[in-house]
Amino acid sequence: MVNTLYFSCQLRLLGVPRDEHQPIIAKLYQVADEAVSPEYPIVVTIRVISKRRSLDSQTPSCAICLENFADEEDVDQPLITHMPCAHRYHQHCIVPWLAINPLCPLCRQNPN
């Protein structure tokens, strides 16, 4: 229950609609239950880039959906996440990817 409440609070802070919380949390638990070994914890760190100005010309598009990142003035721009290896993705693209494969899609670095 505590973890569910924590996840729900984090999703709310990310702007995810409340009616989408339960399916996302259920998927998180499913992925954790299907882990190869309980001794190998699933830990993923994703930082949300708060300023779109930090996007540079080296990463003009999301490597998962191949769509260009919008200009900083675009208020409808999806949240962009920054992996520890510095590669950037749309949040709605990288979160499902990491649920299936814990490696960065570009460099295959494990964020742990």
Protein backbone atom coordinates (compact mmCIF):
# COMPACT_ATOMS: atom_id res chain seq x y z
CA MET A 1 0.00 0.00 0.00
CA VAL A 2 2.80 2.44 0.89
CA ASN A 3 4.56 1.82 -2.45
CA THR A 4 1.28 2.25 -4.34
CA LEU A 5 0.71 5.59 -2.62
CA TYR A 6 4.30 6.64 -3.36
CA PHE A 7 3.96 5.71 -7.05
CA SER A 8 0.64 7.51 -7.28
CA CYS A 9 2.15 10.68 -5.78
CA GLN A 10 5.08 10.53 -8.20
CA LEU A 11 2.76 10.05 -11.18
CA ARG A 12 0.65 12.99 -10.01
CA LEU A 13 3.77 15.17 -9.80
CA LEU A 14 4.63 14.16 -13.37
CA GLY A 15 1.20 15.29 -14.53
CA VAL A 16 -0.17 11.83 -15.31
CA PRO A 17 -3.99 11.84 -15.14
CA ARG A 18 -5.29 10.11 -12.02
CA ASP A 19 -7.32 7.55 -13.99
CA GLU A 20 -4.07 6.28 -15.59
CA HIS A 21 -2.27 5.69 -12.27
CA GLN A 22 -3.62 2.21 -11.51
CA PRO A 23 -2.69 0.60 -14.87
CA ILE A 24 0.80 2.09 -14.70
CA ILE A 25 1.33 0.95 -11.10
CA ALA A 26 0.01 -2.52 -11.98
CA LYS A 27 2.55 -2.72 -14.84
CA LEU A 28 5.36 -1.69 -12.47
CA TYR A 29 4.45 -4.51 -10.09
CA GLN A 30 4.12 -6.97 -12.99
CA VAL A 31 7.61 -6.11 -14.26
CA ALA A 32 9.04 -6.40 -10.75
CA ASP A 33 7.37 -9.80 -10.26
CA GLU A 34 8.78 -11.07 -13.55
CA ALA A 35 12.35 -10.07 -12.71
CA VAL A 36 14.88 -12.79 -13.45
CA SER A 37 16.27 -12.80 -9.93
CA PRO A 38 14.89 -11.26 -6.75
CA GLU A 39 18.50 -10.59 -5.75
CA TYR A 40 18.92 -8.22 -8.71
CA PRO A 41 16.79 -5.17 -7.93
CA ILE A 42 15.13 -3.16 -10.65
CA VAL A 43 16.27 0.39 -10.10
CA VAL A 44 15.92 3.00 -12.81
CA THR A 45 16.78 6.63 -12.42
CA ILE A 46 15.19 9.13 -14.76
CA ARG A 47 15.57 12.87 -14.46
CA VAL A 48 13.02 15.15 -16.04
CA ILE A 49 14.66 17.99 -17.90
CA SER A 50 12.99 21.06 -16.52
CA LYS A 51 14.43 23.46 -19.07
CA ARG A 52 14.06 22.52 -22.68
CA ARG A 53 16.97 24.82 -23.50
CA SER A 54 19.30 22.08 -22.31
CA LEU A 55 18.43 20.05 -25.38
CA ASP A 56 21.34 20.27 -27.73
CA SER A 57 21.76 19.66 -31.43
CA GLN A 58 23.30 16.24 -30.79
CA THR A 59 19.91 14.88 -29.70
CA PRO A 60 17.32 16.56 -31.91
CA SER A 61 14.86 13.67 -31.75
CA CYS A 62 13.68 10.81 -29.58
CA ALA A 63 15.47 7.60 -30.63
CA ILE A 64 12.41 5.52 -29.76
CA CYS A 65 9.59 7.28 -31.65
CA LEU A 66 11.96 9.22 -33.97
CA GLU A 67 9.96 12.44 -33.51
CA ASN A 68 11.89 15.67 -33.15
CA PHE A 69 11.84 17.40 -29.81
CA ALA A 70 9.65 20.49 -30.08
CA ASP A 71 10.85 24.03 -29.50
CA GLU A 72 10.88 25.26 -25.92
CA GLU A 73 7.94 27.57 -26.67
CA ASP A 74 5.70 24.59 -27.47
CA VAL A 75 3.60 24.15 -24.33
CA ASP A 76 2.23 20.84 -25.63
CA GLN A 77 5.74 19.35 -25.75
CA PRO A 78 5.77 15.95 -23.98
CA LEU A 79 8.02 15.65 -20.94
CA ILE A 80 11.57 14.78 -21.89
CA THR A 81 13.66 12.46 -19.75
CA HIS A 82 17.40 12.40 -19.41
CA MET A 83 19.11 9.08 -18.75
CA PRO A 84 22.30 8.91 -16.64
CA CYS A 85 24.24 8.37 -19.90
CA ALA A 86 22.92 11.78 -21.11
CA HIS A 87 20.66 10.42 -23.87
CA ARG A 88 17.23 12.04 -24.02
CA TYR A 89 13.81 10.57 -24.79
CA HIS A 90 10.16 11.50 -24.54
CA GLN A 91 8.98 10.28 -21.17
CA HIS A 92 6.01 8.44 -22.70
CA CYS A 93 8.51 6.53 -24.89
CA ILE A 94 11.30 5.63 -22.44
CA VAL A 95 9.16 4.49 -19.49
CA PRO A 96 7.53 1.58 -21.42
CA TRP A 97 10.94 0.76 -22.96
CA LEU A 98 12.54 0.50 -19.52
CA ALA A 99 9.71 -1.74 -18.34
CA ILE A 100 10.82 -4.25 -20.98
CA ASN A 101 14.56 -3.58 -21.22
CA PRO A 102 16.59 -1.76 -18.52
CA LEU A 103 19.29 -0.58 -20.96
CA CYS A 104 19.54 2.75 -22.78
CA PRO A 105 18.23 2.20 -26.34
CA LEU A 106 21.19 4.04 -27.88
CA CYS A 107 24.29 3.09 -25.92
CA ARG A 108 23.02 -0.01 -24.05
CA GLN A 109 24.35 1.39 -20.78
CA ASN A 110 22.61 0.11 -17.68
CA PRO A 111 21.43 3.14 -15.66
CA ASN A 112 22.10 1.35 -12.38
